[in-house]
Amino acid sequence: MCLAIPSKIVQLKDNNTAVVDTMGVRRQVSLDLLQEEVSVGDYVLIHVGFAIRKLDEEEAIKTLKLFEEIFEEELLEEVGYDDSK
């Protein structure tokens, strides 16, 4: 199973790479597989170091919010939080 998280382009580099922000973590990725042009501020899906698809900003933000909710629930389960008390 593959998981691709929306990432925001924060810097374009000369060698067809970009620096992206993925939920607060920045890293460099290749743009070689993208069919569309991208700019700083655009959202893309990243898989194994490659941007594979440009996303609509609204779709990307909705997806990121869902990931945050899932991560929060997982964290609460790990620490044994029970909100029924």
Protein backbone atom coordinates (compact mmCIF):
# COMPACT_ATOMS: atom_id res chain seq x y z
CA MET A 1 0.00 0.00 0.00
CA CYS A 2 1.24 3.48 -0.86
CA LEU A 3 0.52 6.66 0.99
CA ALA A 4 1.04 10.05 -0.62
CA ILE A 5 0.55 13.16 1.51
CA PRO A 6 -0.07 16.58 -0.04
CA SER A 7 2.99 18.81 0.17
CA LYS A 8 3.34 22.51 -0.54
CA ILE A 9 6.15 23.72 -2.79
CA VAL A 10 8.18 26.32 -0.89
CA GLN A 11 11.17 26.65 -3.24
CA LEU A 12 11.96 25.69 -6.83
CA LYS A 13 15.53 24.60 -7.62
CA ASP A 14 17.47 24.77 -10.91
CA ASN A 15 17.87 21.00 -11.37
CA ASN A 16 14.11 20.27 -11.74
CA THR A 17 13.71 19.74 -8.02
CA ALA A 18 11.76 21.57 -5.36
CA VAL A 19 11.76 21.96 -1.61
CA VAL A 20 8.36 20.99 -0.23
CA ASP A 21 6.73 21.28 3.17
CA THR A 22 4.91 18.13 4.26
CA MET A 23 3.04 18.82 7.49
CA GLY A 24 5.91 20.93 8.84
CA VAL A 25 8.76 18.80 7.49
CA ARG A 26 10.79 20.17 4.58
CA ARG A 27 12.61 18.06 2.04
CA GLN A 28 13.84 18.13 -1.52
CA VAL A 29 11.91 16.21 -4.20
CA SER A 30 12.23 15.60 -7.92
CA LEU A 31 9.76 17.19 -10.35
CA ASP A 32 10.76 14.88 -13.23
CA LEU A 33 7.52 12.86 -13.21
CA LEU A 34 5.11 15.82 -13.26
CA GLN A 35 3.18 16.52 -16.45
CA GLU A 36 2.07 19.99 -15.36
CA GLU A 37 4.01 23.16 -14.54
CA VAL A 38 4.23 24.05 -10.85
CA SER A 39 5.05 27.20 -8.90
CA VAL A 40 5.92 28.09 -5.33
CA GLY A 41 2.72 27.72 -3.30
CA ASP A 42 1.32 24.84 -5.36
CA TYR A 43 0.45 21.54 -3.71
CA VAL A 44 1.72 18.22 -5.04
CA LEU A 45 1.53 14.57 -4.04
CA ILE A 46 4.92 13.07 -3.18
CA HIS A 47 5.84 9.39 -3.53
CA VAL A 48 9.35 8.04 -2.84
CA GLY A 49 10.99 11.41 -3.46
CA PHE A 50 9.08 12.33 -6.61
CA ALA A 51 6.21 14.79 -7.05
CA ILE A 52 3.67 12.67 -8.93
CA ARG A 53 0.64 14.96 -9.27
CA LYS A 54 -0.30 18.59 -8.83
CA LEU A 55 -3.30 19.11 -6.54
CA ASP A 56 -5.99 21.69 -6.24
CA GLU A 57 -5.28 23.77 -3.10
CA GLU A 58 -8.75 23.17 -1.62
CA GLU A 59 -8.43 19.38 -2.12
CA ALA A 60 -4.94 19.41 -0.59
CA ILE A 61 -6.03 21.36 2.50
CA LYS A 62 -9.04 19.06 3.07
CA THR A 63 -6.78 16.02 2.81
CA LEU A 64 -4.21 17.48 5.21
CA LYS A 65 -6.96 18.19 7.77
CA LEU A 66 -8.08 14.56 7.55
CA PHE A 67 -4.52 13.35 8.12
CA GLU A 68 -4.22 15.64 11.15
CA GLU A 69 -7.44 14.20 12.61
CA ILE A 70 -6.22 10.63 12.05
CA PHE A 71 -2.82 11.37 13.59
CA GLU A 72 -4.45 13.04 16.59
CA GLU A 73 -6.74 10.05 17.18
CA GLU A 74 -3.80 7.64 16.88
CA LEU A 75 -1.77 9.67 19.37
CA LEU A 76 -4.64 9.75 21.85
CA GLU A 77 -5.02 5.97 21.56
CA GLU A 78 -1.29 5.49 22.14
CA VAL A 79 -1.32 7.50 25.36
CA GLY A 80 -4.52 5.81 26.54
CA TYR A 81 -6.70 8.93 26.52
CA ASP A 82 -10.38 8.17 27.14
CA ASP A 83 -12.73 11.12 26.60
CA SER A 84 -15.74 9.20 27.97
CA LYS A 85 -14.68 9.89 31.55
